[in-house]
Amino acid sequence: MAGLVGIFIAAMMAGLNTRVGALALADVRGALGFGLDDASWLTTAYSAGELIAMPFAAWFAITLSLRRFELWMLGSCALLAVILPFIHDLNLLLTLRFVQGIACGTTIPLLMMAALKFLPAPIRLYGLALYAMTATFAPNLSIWLAGYWTDGLFDWRWVYWQIIPLALIAGLLVGWGLPREPIQIARFGQANWSGMACGVPALGLITVALDQGVRLDWFHSPLITLSLVAGLALLAVYLLTEWYHPSPFIKLQILGRRNLGLGCTLFFCLLVVLMSSSLLPASFLGPLQNYRPLQMASIGLIVALPQLVLGPVVALLLYQKWIDARLVFALGLLLIALACFCGAQLTSDWNREQFVVVQTLQAFGQPMAVVSMLFLVTSVVQPPEGPYVSGTINTLRAFGSLAGAAVVGQLMTVRGRFHGEMLLDHAALTDNALALEPSQLMDLIGQQSQVLSIADAYRVLGILALVLIPLVLRLTYIPAPDVRAASPSTSPSSSSHG
């Protein structure tokens, strides 16, 4: 249990490192003297490393031993965090941030793998509730942390240093709590190395395309076009080799089970919908109302802090025999959709206070959806298959977050242009009855078009949440796990199905 807590802290550390670095990028850029375009690659480099690590983390953890591998990765994260603020060369900083992304990217899949491996069915859901917090708690807490480091302590270096205490605590717990196991050298000769040689560049290139696509205008950029075409081609080769290889890194065949195949699709779409709680309020309050991250902190904390209680409460609820996890999932999506439709009423007069109801609905809906989804997906998995499921779900998790940001960003760009043109036409028809200077008029149109585009994004994500509900009800019903199965005589395999 101490080792599992250490792995949980390591996963939370990785989630915070990802989001805080992105939120505080303007301060880091200003302190180091980088241009806007150049600095944007810092987020891309880290995200690429994180995504590359996820399909392969579980295999290396089994081969090298979970304890040894986790300690190596934590040590690498902490060491890089110490030196990153002192690097002023952009190329070196990009390289080190990429390596840190790889090290941190391994920790989140290992949390799910450990929860499935160490926890018996009667308490496994609580472990999955901890995992769910990496998708609900960490992204929203990051808004407050980013603001505190840059506007509270006035020291941007803590954007990188913040993970050092967490890495040390996690390392102590993992080192003390997990068993020492030998390296399984024989597994190195069995692995799908040719597939990995295609998979690593594929995931990196796709990250570049998704993360930089909106900024570089997608297929109008040769870099994005090449990255996407080459990335998808290499990914297809990688998946093909994984399908036929006797010892794959991720086992694609298990996606043939309805709850896994459909559940992973739902998880991917859910991650896109979850952009409505973190990305959209920040997109409005930051550029339009000139809020700094610390001033926006309460918006994130409304969602983040209740997760500490609501995650375990949802897990406890799913252990009740009269509860259908599919209905809990659907109700969670309904609350998220309701939050989005409330957000769609956005006007230029809104401030933090108007987001309270929207974020409160998100705080209740997110754990209901994510924890229920994890229960329905992992309940059809045997314990030996845990590493395969962990790699698959977490790769989709990283893809979903990148795709969600890209989809929402592109949607806001397209709708912003549309509303800008419509407003400009109306202004021309009124013959500028507002008696504004041309520059003032353009500023006003730009502001209003951005407000309308964010409202449209809320509306689209709300509709997507509603569309997912019928698919959720198509999942196979899984009865609640038997809490009495905690007796020593119960075998892991018999309890894995709940």
Protein backbone atom coordinates (compact mmCIF):
# COMPACT_ATOMS: atom_id res chain seq x y z
CA MET A 1 0.00 0.00 0.00
CA ALA A 2 2.89 2.40 0.75
CA GLY A 3 4.37 1.61 -2.65
CA LEU A 4 1.00 2.21 -4.33
CA VAL A 5 0.66 5.58 -2.60
CA GLY A 6 4.15 6.43 -3.85
CA ILE A 7 3.14 5.53 -7.41
CA PHE A 8 -0.01 7.68 -7.03
CA ILE A 9 2.06 10.68 -5.88
CA ALA A 10 4.41 10.13 -8.84
CA ALA A 11 1.46 10.12 -11.27
CA MET A 12 0.02 13.29 -9.75
CA MET A 13 3.48 14.85 -10.00
CA ALA A 14 3.53 14.07 -13.72
CA GLY A 15 0.05 15.54 -14.25
CA LEU A 16 0.99 18.77 -12.47
CA ASN A 17 4.28 19.03 -14.35
CA THR A 18 2.46 18.85 -17.67
CA ARG A 19 -0.25 21.40 -17.02
CA VAL A 20 1.62 23.93 -14.85
CA GLY A 21 4.40 24.12 -17.43
CA ALA A 22 1.84 24.96 -20.13
CA LEU A 23 -0.07 27.50 -18.02
CA ALA A 24 3.07 29.36 -16.90
CA LEU A 25 4.70 29.30 -20.33
CA ALA A 26 4.34 33.07 -20.81
CA ASP A 27 6.31 33.74 -17.61
CA VAL A 28 8.99 31.20 -18.49
CA ARG A 29 9.23 32.68 -21.97
CA GLY A 30 9.56 36.20 -20.60
CA ALA A 31 12.20 35.23 -18.05
CA LEU A 32 14.36 33.41 -20.61
CA GLY A 33 13.81 35.86 -23.45
CA PHE A 34 12.25 33.41 -25.93
CA GLY A 35 9.82 34.41 -28.67
CA LEU A 36 6.20 33.24 -28.63
CA ASP A 37 6.63 30.76 -31.50
CA ASP A 38 9.90 29.31 -30.20
CA ALA A 39 8.60 28.89 -26.65
CA SER A 40 5.48 27.04 -27.85
CA TRP A 41 7.73 24.10 -28.71
CA LEU A 42 8.54 23.59 -25.01
CA THR A 43 5.01 22.27 -24.45
CA THR A 44 5.16 20.20 -27.65
CA ALA A 45 8.51 18.60 -26.74
CA TYR A 46 7.26 17.60 -23.28
CA SER A 47 3.94 16.26 -24.63
CA ALA A 48 5.78 14.23 -27.30
CA GLY A 49 8.02 12.59 -24.69
CA GLU A 50 5.01 11.85 -22.48
CA LEU A 51 3.01 10.21 -25.28
CA ILE A 52 6.01 8.18 -26.52
CA ALA A 53 6.54 6.67 -23.06
CA MET A 54 3.00 5.53 -22.39
CA PRO A 55 2.62 2.41 -24.59
CA PHE A 56 5.99 1.01 -23.46
CA ALA A 57 6.08 1.93 -19.74
CA ALA A 58 4.37 -1.22 -18.44
CA TRP A 59 6.65 -3.53 -20.45
CA PHE A 60 9.80 -1.90 -19.09
CA ALA A 61 8.37 -1.90 -15.55
CA ILE A 62 7.78 -5.67 -15.71
CA THR A 63 11.15 -6.34 -17.34
CA LEU A 64 13.28 -4.14 -15.07
CA SER A 65 10.95 -4.54 -12.02
CA LEU A 66 8.36 -1.98 -11.06
CA ARG A 67 10.37 -0.70 -8.09
CA ARG A 68 13.63 -0.23 -10.01
CA PHE A 69 12.00 1.37 -13.07
CA GLU A 70 9.84 3.76 -11.03
CA LEU A 71 12.84 4.89 -8.97
CA TRP A 72 14.93 5.49 -12.11
CA MET A 73 12.16 7.57 -13.67
CA LEU A 74 11.54 9.57 -10.49
CA GLY A 75 15.26 10.25 -10.15
CA SER A 76 15.44 11.44 -13.76
CA CYS A 77 12.42 13.74 -13.31
CA ALA A 78 13.85 15.31 -10.15
CA LEU A 79 17.36 15.75 -11.55
CA LEU A 80 16.08 17.43 -14.71
CA ALA A 81 13.76 19.64 -12.66
CA VAL A 82 16.75 20.91 -10.68
CA ILE A 83 18.72 22.00 -13.74
CA LEU A 84 15.99 23.15 -16.18
CA PRO A 85 15.67 26.74 -14.84
CA PHE A 86 19.39 27.29 -15.40
CA ILE A 87 19.30 26.36 -19.10
CA HIS A 88 19.05 29.38 -21.42
CA ASP A 89 19.78 27.65 -24.75
CA LEU A 90 16.45 26.83 -26.41
CA ASN A 91 17.60 23.67 -28.22
CA LEU A 92 19.11 22.18 -25.05
CA LEU A 93 16.04 23.15 -23.04
CA LEU A 94 13.77 21.47 -25.62
CA THR A 95 15.88 18.30 -25.46
CA LEU A 96 15.86 18.15 -21.67
CA ARG A 97 12.14 18.90 -21.49
CA PHE A 98 11.53 16.07 -24.00
CA VAL A 99 13.54 13.64 -21.84
CA GLN A 100 11.64 14.78 -18.75
CA GLY A 101 8.40 14.16 -20.65
CA ILE A 102 9.49 10.56 -21.27
CA ALA A 103 10.38 10.04 -17.60
CA CYS A 104 7.14 11.59 -16.31
CA GLY A 105 5.05 9.89 -18.99
CA THR A 106 5.87 6.46 -17.58
CA THR A 107 4.41 7.20 -14.14
CA ILE A 108 0.71 7.51 -15.05
CA PRO A 109 0.40 4.09 -16.81
CA LEU A 110 2.22 2.49 -13.87
CA LEU A 111 -0.45 3.76 -11.47
CA MET A 112 -3.19 1.92 -13.32
CA MET A 113 -1.00 -1.16 -13.74
CA ALA A 114 -0.20 -1.20 -10.00
CA ALA A 115 -3.85 -0.70 -9.02
CA LEU A 116 -4.89 -3.67 -11.17
CA LYS A 117 -1.96 -5.79 -9.95
CA PHE A 118 -1.93 -5.14 -6.21
CA LEU A 119 -5.54 -4.40 -5.28
CA PRO A 120 -8.15 -7.17 -4.95
CA ALA A 121 -11.60 -6.57 -6.46
CA PRO A 122 -13.22 -5.40 -3.19
CA ILE A 123 -10.95 -2.35 -3.01
CA ARG A 124 -9.69 -2.02 -6.59
CA LEU A 125 -12.20 0.69 -7.40
CA TYR A 126 -10.62 3.00 -4.83
CA GLY A 127 -7.30 2.57 -6.64
CA LEU A 128 -8.99 3.41 -9.95
CA ALA A 129 -10.56 6.47 -8.27
CA LEU A 130 -7.00 7.60 -7.48
CA TYR A 131 -6.07 7.10 -11.13
CA ALA A 132 -9.15 9.09 -12.21
CA MET A 133 -7.82 12.04 -10.21
CA THR A 134 -4.92 12.37 -12.68
CA ALA A 135 -7.56 13.39 -15.25
CA THR A 136 -9.84 15.44 -12.96
CA PHE A 137 -7.83 16.76 -9.99
CA ALA A 138 -4.37 17.52 -11.41
CA PRO A 139 -5.38 19.64 -14.47
CA ASN A 140 -7.64 21.89 -12.39
CA LEU A 141 -5.28 22.23 -9.41
CA SER A 142 -2.57 23.30 -11.85
CA ILE A 143 -4.24 26.67 -12.46
CA TRP A 144 -3.74 27.63 -8.80
CA LEU A 145 -0.20 26.26 -8.67
CA ALA A 146 0.88 28.08 -11.83
CA GLY A 147 -0.51 31.31 -10.42
CA TYR A 148 1.06 30.80 -7.02
CA TRP A 149 4.56 30.23 -8.39
CA THR A 150 4.49 33.17 -10.79
CA ASP A 151 2.32 35.70 -8.90
CA GLY A 152 2.53 34.48 -5.29
CA LEU A 153 6.21 33.65 -4.88
CA PHE A 154 7.18 35.69 -7.95
CA ASP A 155 9.68 32.96 -8.87
CA TRP A 156 8.99 31.21 -12.19
CA ARG A 157 11.68 28.59 -11.44
CA TRP A 158 9.21 26.82 -9.12
CA VAL A 159 7.25 25.89 -12.24
CA TYR A 160 9.99 23.26 -12.69
CA TRP A 161 11.13 22.82 -9.08
CA GLN A 162 7.65 22.05 -7.72
CA ILE A 163 7.95 18.34 -8.55
CA ILE A 164 11.18 17.78 -6.59
CA PRO A 165 9.53 17.32 -3.13
CA LEU A 166 6.85 15.09 -4.64
CA ALA A 167 9.47 13.00 -6.44
CA LEU A 168 11.44 12.53 -3.21
CA ILE A 169 8.37 11.48 -1.19
CA ALA A 170 7.22 9.14 -3.96
CA GLY A 171 10.72 7.67 -4.24
CA LEU A 172 10.91 6.94 -0.51
CA LEU A 173 7.51 5.23 -0.49
CA VAL A 174 8.22 3.22 -3.64
CA GLY A 175 11.69 2.21 -2.45
CA TRP A 176 10.39 1.07 0.92
CA GLY A 177 7.03 -0.39 -0.12
CA LEU A 178 7.60 -2.29 -3.36
CA PRO A 179 9.37 -5.66 -3.50
CA ARG A 180 12.86 -6.01 -4.95
CA GLU A 181 12.70 -8.16 -8.08
CA PRO A 182 15.41 -9.28 -10.52
CA ILE A 183 15.73 -7.97 -14.06
CA GLN A 184 14.09 -10.36 -16.55
CA ILE A 185 16.81 -10.31 -19.19
CA ALA A 186 15.09 -12.96 -21.34
CA ARG A 187 12.25 -10.53 -22.15
CA PHE A 188 14.63 -8.27 -24.10
CA GLY A 189 14.99 -10.95 -26.77
CA GLN A 190 11.22 -11.36 -27.10
CA ALA A 191 10.12 -7.72 -27.48
CA ASN A 192 8.76 -6.11 -30.65
CA TRP A 193 11.74 -3.81 -31.24
CA SER A 194 10.99 -3.25 -34.92
CA GLY A 195 7.50 -2.12 -33.97
CA MET A 196 8.88 0.19 -31.30
CA ALA A 197 11.25 1.70 -33.89
CA CYS A 198 8.14 2.75 -35.86
CA GLY A 199 5.96 3.57 -32.86
CA VAL A 200 8.31 6.06 -31.17
CA PRO A 201 8.69 8.47 -34.14
CA ALA A 202 5.01 7.96 -35.05
CA LEU A 203 3.81 9.17 -31.66
CA GLY A 204 6.29 12.06 -31.65
CA LEU A 205 5.27 13.26 -35.13
CA ILE A 206 1.55 13.03 -34.32
CA THR A 207 2.13 15.07 -31.17
CA VAL A 208 3.86 17.77 -33.22
CA ALA A 209 0.93 17.86 -35.65
CA LEU A 210 -1.77 18.01 -32.95
CA ASP A 211 0.01 20.47 -30.66
CA GLN A 212 1.23 22.89 -33.35
CA GLY A 213 -1.59 22.40 -35.88
CA VAL A 214 -3.80 25.31 -34.79
CA ARG A 215 -0.87 27.75 -34.55
CA LEU A 216 0.58 26.78 -37.96
CA ASP A 217 -2.85 26.45 -39.68
CA TRP A 218 -2.75 22.69 -40.25
CA PHE A 219 -2.33 21.63 -43.90
CA HIS A 220 -1.21 25.10 -44.94
CA SER A 221 2.04 24.23 -43.15
CA PRO A 222 4.40 21.71 -44.83
CA LEU A 223 5.72 20.74 -41.37
CA ILE A 224 2.26 19.79 -40.05
CA THR A 225 1.35 17.99 -43.28
CA LEU A 226 4.55 15.95 -43.25
CA SER A 227 4.29 15.21 -39.52
CA LEU A 228 0.71 14.01 -39.78
CA VAL A 229 1.15 11.90 -42.91
CA ALA A 230 4.42 10.31 -41.77
CA GLY A 231 3.15 9.88 -38.20
CA LEU A 232 -0.05 8.11 -39.24
CA ALA A 233 1.81 5.87 -41.72
CA LEU A 234 4.37 4.83 -39.09
CA LEU A 235 1.59 4.36 -36.52
CA ALA A 236 -0.22 2.00 -38.89
CA VAL A 237 2.96 -0.07 -39.32
CA TYR A 238 3.50 -0.11 -35.54
CA LEU A 239 -0.06 -1.29 -34.81
CA LEU A 240 0.22 -3.94 -37.52
CA THR A 241 3.41 -5.35 -36.00
CA GLU A 242 1.83 -5.28 -32.53
CA TRP A 243 -1.18 -7.25 -33.78
CA TYR A 244 0.90 -10.14 -35.12
CA HIS A 245 3.82 -10.10 -32.66
CA PRO A 246 3.78 -12.90 -30.02
CA SER A 247 5.05 -10.53 -27.30
CA PRO A 248 3.58 -7.07 -28.04
CA PHE A 249 3.86 -3.93 -25.93
CA ILE A 250 0.09 -3.41 -26.14
CA LYS A 251 -2.35 -6.20 -26.95
CA LEU A 252 -4.79 -4.84 -29.53
CA GLN A 253 -6.87 -8.04 -29.57
CA ILE A 254 -8.38 -7.24 -26.17
CA LEU A 255 -10.14 -4.25 -27.75
CA GLY A 256 -12.48 -6.81 -29.33
CA ARG A 257 -14.28 -7.04 -25.98
CA ARG A 258 -17.18 -4.63 -26.06
CA ASN A 259 -16.45 -2.86 -22.78
CA LEU A 260 -12.80 -2.36 -23.72
CA GLY A 261 -13.24 -1.32 -27.35
CA LEU A 262 -16.29 0.88 -26.81
CA GLY A 263 -15.03 2.01 -23.40
CA CYS A 264 -11.73 3.25 -24.82
CA THR A 265 -13.60 5.14 -27.56
CA LEU A 266 -15.80 6.73 -24.90
CA PHE A 267 -12.74 7.64 -22.80
CA PHE A 268 -11.11 9.36 -25.77
CA CYS A 269 -14.25 11.40 -26.44
CA LEU A 270 -14.72 12.12 -22.73
CA LEU A 271 -11.24 13.65 -22.54
CA VAL A 272 -12.21 16.00 -25.38
CA VAL A 273 -15.37 16.97 -23.45
CA LEU A 274 -13.35 17.59 -20.26
CA MET A 275 -11.59 20.48 -22.01
CA SER A 276 -14.75 22.41 -21.09
CA SER A 277 -13.70 22.64 -17.43
CA SER A 278 -10.08 23.73 -17.76
CA LEU A 279 -9.36 25.13 -21.23
CA LEU A 280 -12.51 27.16 -21.95
CA PRO A 281 -12.76 29.23 -18.73
CA ALA A 282 -9.03 30.03 -18.99
CA SER A 283 -9.45 31.00 -22.67
CA PHE A 284 -12.09 33.54 -21.65
CA LEU A 285 -10.76 34.95 -18.38
CA GLY A 286 -7.13 35.19 -19.53
CA PRO A 287 -7.17 36.95 -22.93
CA LEU A 288 -10.54 38.76 -22.56
CA GLN A 289 -10.67 39.75 -18.89
CA ASN A 290 -6.88 39.97 -18.38
CA TYR A 291 -6.90 37.52 -15.47
CA ARG A 292 -3.57 36.12 -14.33
CA PRO A 293 -3.44 32.40 -13.40
CA LEU A 294 -3.60 33.20 -9.65
CA GLN A 295 -6.79 35.21 -10.21
CA MET A 296 -8.29 32.24 -12.11
CA ALA A 297 -7.27 29.76 -9.42
CA SER A 298 -10.70 29.55 -7.79
CA ILE A 299 -12.21 28.38 -11.09
CA GLY A 300 -9.91 25.36 -11.11
CA LEU A 301 -10.15 24.66 -7.38
CA ILE A 302 -13.96 24.44 -7.56
CA VAL A 303 -13.45 21.33 -9.71
CA ALA A 304 -10.20 20.03 -8.20
CA LEU A 305 -10.75 20.01 -4.43
CA PRO A 306 -14.08 18.08 -4.37
CA GLN A 307 -12.36 15.25 -6.29
CA LEU A 308 -10.52 14.27 -3.10
CA VAL A 309 -13.89 13.27 -1.64
CA LEU A 310 -16.10 12.62 -4.66
CA GLY A 311 -13.76 10.08 -6.30
CA PRO A 312 -13.87 7.64 -3.33
CA VAL A 313 -17.60 8.37 -2.85
CA VAL A 314 -18.34 7.33 -6.45
CA ALA A 315 -16.21 4.19 -5.93
CA LEU A 316 -18.20 3.39 -2.78
CA LEU A 317 -21.44 3.94 -4.70
CA LEU A 318 -20.38 1.52 -7.43
CA TYR A 319 -19.89 -1.20 -4.80
CA GLN A 320 -23.63 -1.14 -4.04
CA LYS A 321 -25.47 -4.07 -5.61
CA TRP A 322 -28.42 -1.92 -6.71
CA ILE A 323 -26.25 0.50 -8.68
CA ASP A 324 -25.70 0.18 -12.44
CA ALA A 325 -22.34 1.77 -13.32
CA ARG A 326 -23.62 2.62 -16.80
CA LEU A 327 -26.35 4.84 -15.31
CA VAL A 328 -23.81 6.57 -13.04
CA PHE A 329 -21.61 7.17 -16.12
CA ALA A 330 -24.60 8.53 -18.08
CA LEU A 331 -25.65 10.80 -15.20
CA GLY A 332 -22.08 12.14 -15.00
CA LEU A 333 -22.16 12.96 -18.73
CA LEU A 334 -25.56 14.61 -18.27
CA LEU A 335 -24.14 16.89 -15.54
CA ILE A 336 -21.13 17.75 -17.72
CA ALA A 337 -23.47 18.53 -20.65
CA LEU A 338 -25.58 20.73 -18.38
CA ALA A 339 -22.41 22.54 -17.28
CA CYS A 340 -21.48 23.13 -20.93
CA PHE A 341 -24.92 24.50 -21.82
CA CYS A 342 -24.71 26.86 -18.82
CA GLY A 343 -21.28 27.94 -20.08
CA ALA A 344 -22.78 28.54 -23.54
CA GLN A 345 -24.73 31.48 -22.05
CA LEU A 346 -21.38 33.28 -21.80
CA THR A 347 -21.30 37.05 -22.42
CA SER A 348 -18.52 39.62 -22.31
CA ASP A 349 -19.78 40.72 -18.87
CA TRP A 350 -18.93 37.38 -17.21
CA ASN A 351 -16.27 37.16 -14.51
CA ARG A 352 -15.15 34.42 -12.13
CA GLU A 353 -18.44 34.49 -10.21
CA GLN A 354 -20.50 33.52 -13.25
CA PHE A 355 -18.43 30.33 -13.70
CA VAL A 356 -19.20 28.95 -10.22
CA VAL A 357 -22.33 27.00 -11.24
CA VAL A 358 -20.65 25.73 -14.42
CA GLN A 359 -17.59 24.45 -12.53
CA THR A 360 -19.66 22.98 -9.68
CA LEU A 361 -21.62 20.84 -12.15
CA GLN A 362 -18.30 19.75 -13.66
CA ALA A 363 -16.97 18.83 -10.19
CA PHE A 364 -19.82 16.37 -9.67
CA GLY A 365 -20.08 15.07 -13.22
CA GLN A 366 -16.41 14.30 -13.89
CA PRO A 367 -15.75 11.67 -11.17
CA MET A 368 -19.09 9.99 -11.90
CA ALA A 369 -18.12 9.62 -15.56
CA VAL A 370 -14.41 8.78 -15.23
CA VAL A 371 -14.55 6.34 -12.28
CA SER A 372 -17.57 4.51 -13.75
CA MET A 373 -15.83 4.25 -17.13
CA LEU A 374 -12.69 2.79 -15.53
CA PHE A 375 -14.78 0.23 -13.60
CA LEU A 376 -16.68 -0.89 -16.70
CA VAL A 377 -13.50 -1.17 -18.79
CA THR A 378 -11.17 -2.89 -16.29
CA SER A 379 -13.78 -5.36 -15.00
CA VAL A 380 -13.45 -7.44 -18.18
CA VAL A 381 -9.68 -7.74 -17.75
CA GLN A 382 -7.75 -10.60 -16.17
CA PRO A 383 -4.88 -9.55 -13.82
CA PRO A 384 -2.13 -10.74 -16.25
CA GLU A 385 -3.64 -8.44 -18.89
CA GLY A 386 -3.34 -5.36 -16.66
CA PRO A 387 -0.12 -4.05 -18.29
CA TYR A 388 -1.65 -4.27 -21.78
CA VAL A 389 -4.79 -2.42 -20.68
CA SER A 390 -2.74 0.19 -18.85
CA GLY A 391 -0.65 0.95 -21.92
CA THR A 392 -3.68 1.12 -24.23
CA ILE A 393 -5.84 3.32 -22.00
CA ASN A 394 -3.04 5.72 -21.14
CA THR A 395 -1.91 6.13 -24.74
CA LEU A 396 -5.51 7.00 -25.59
CA ARG A 397 -5.57 9.32 -22.58
CA ALA A 398 -2.59 11.28 -23.88
CA PHE A 399 -4.00 11.28 -27.42
CA GLY A 400 -7.39 12.44 -26.11
CA SER A 401 -5.90 15.38 -24.24
CA LEU A 402 -3.87 16.49 -27.27
CA ALA A 403 -6.76 15.97 -29.68
CA GLY A 404 -9.17 17.73 -27.33
CA ALA A 405 -6.99 20.83 -27.14
CA ALA A 406 -6.53 20.78 -30.93
CA VAL A 407 -10.25 20.29 -31.68
CA VAL A 408 -11.35 23.02 -29.26
CA GLY A 409 -8.61 25.38 -30.44
CA GLN A 410 -9.53 24.89 -34.10
CA LEU A 411 -13.25 25.18 -33.38
CA MET A 412 -12.69 28.50 -31.59
CA THR A 413 -10.51 29.74 -34.46
CA VAL A 414 -13.05 28.85 -37.15
CA ARG A 415 -16.06 30.16 -35.24
CA GLY A 416 -14.13 33.29 -34.22
CA ARG A 417 -13.49 34.11 -37.90
CA PHE A 418 -17.15 33.44 -38.76
CA HIS A 419 -18.49 35.67 -35.97
CA GLY A 420 -15.90 38.35 -36.80
CA GLU A 421 -17.11 38.49 -40.41
CA MET A 422 -20.78 38.56 -39.35
CA LEU A 423 -20.18 41.36 -36.84
CA LEU A 424 -18.17 43.33 -39.39
CA ASP A 425 -21.04 43.05 -41.88
CA HIS A 426 -23.51 44.27 -39.24
CA ALA A 427 -21.20 47.18 -38.37
CA ALA A 428 -21.04 48.15 -42.05
CA LEU A 429 -24.86 48.04 -42.34
CA THR A 430 -25.32 50.31 -39.32
CA ASP A 431 -22.88 52.82 -40.83
CA ASN A 432 -20.97 52.82 -37.54
CA ALA A 433 -23.84 54.20 -35.44
CA LEU A 434 -21.65 53.58 -32.38
CA ALA A 435 -19.39 56.43 -33.49
CA LEU A 436 -16.22 54.47 -32.79
CA GLU A 437 -12.79 54.87 -34.26
CA PRO A 438 -11.90 52.04 -36.71
CA SER A 439 -9.32 50.64 -34.29
CA GLN A 440 -11.86 50.67 -31.42
CA LEU A 441 -14.46 49.01 -33.61
CA MET A 442 -12.05 46.23 -34.62
CA ASP A 443 -11.09 45.64 -30.96
CA LEU A 444 -14.75 45.39 -30.01
CA ILE A 445 -15.50 42.99 -32.88
CA GLY A 446 -12.45 40.89 -31.98
CA GLN A 447 -13.54 40.65 -28.35
CA GLN A 448 -17.16 39.78 -29.15
CA SER A 449 -16.21 37.19 -31.79
CA GLN A 450 -13.94 35.46 -29.26
CA VAL A 451 -16.73 35.42 -26.64
CA LEU A 452 -19.14 33.92 -29.17
CA SER A 453 -16.57 31.32 -30.30
CA ILE A 454 -16.02 30.14 -26.69
CA ALA A 455 -19.80 29.91 -26.22
CA ASP A 456 -19.99 27.82 -29.41
CA ALA A 457 -17.23 25.52 -28.10
CA TYR A 458 -19.21 25.01 -24.88
CA ARG A 459 -22.29 24.19 -26.95
CA VAL A 460 -20.48 21.65 -29.16
CA LEU A 461 -18.86 19.89 -26.18
CA GLY A 462 -22.23 19.76 -24.42
CA ILE A 463 -23.82 18.12 -27.47
CA LEU A 464 -20.91 15.64 -27.66
CA ALA A 465 -21.47 14.71 -24.00
CA LEU A 466 -25.15 13.99 -24.75
CA VAL A 467 -24.28 11.96 -27.86
CA LEU A 468 -22.04 9.72 -25.74
CA ILE A 469 -24.89 8.73 -23.38
CA PRO A 470 -26.56 6.18 -25.75
CA LEU A 471 -23.13 4.62 -26.37
CA VAL A 472 -22.56 4.33 -22.61
CA LEU A 473 -25.82 2.42 -22.28
CA ARG A 474 -24.56 -0.01 -24.95
CA LEU A 475 -21.74 -1.17 -22.65
CA THR A 476 -22.12 -4.59 -21.06
CA TYR A 477 -23.63 -4.50 -17.57
CA ILE A 478 -21.08 -5.33 -14.87
CA PRO A 479 -22.44 -6.18 -11.39
CA ALA A 480 -20.83 -4.59 -8.36
CA PRO A 481 -17.78 -6.46 -6.99
CA ASP A 482 -18.48 -8.71 -4.03
CA VAL A 483 -16.96 -7.02 -0.98
CA ARG A 484 -17.00 -10.37 0.86
CA ALA A 485 -14.49 -11.63 -1.72
CA ALA A 486 -11.73 -10.09 0.37
CA SER A 487 -11.20 -13.36 2.22
CA PRO A 488 -7.73 -14.95 1.81
CA SER A 489 -9.21 -17.90 -0.04
CA THR A 490 -10.27 -15.73 -2.96
CA SER A 491 -8.01 -16.03 -5.97
CA PRO A 492 -7.12 -12.90 -7.95
CA SER A 493 -8.44 -14.30 -11.20
CA SER A 494 -11.85 -15.16 -9.76
CA SER A 495 -12.30 -11.67 -8.37
CA SER A 496 -11.11 -9.79 -11.44
CA HIS A 497 -14.50 -9.83 -13.09
CA GLY A 498 -16.20 -8.46 -10.00
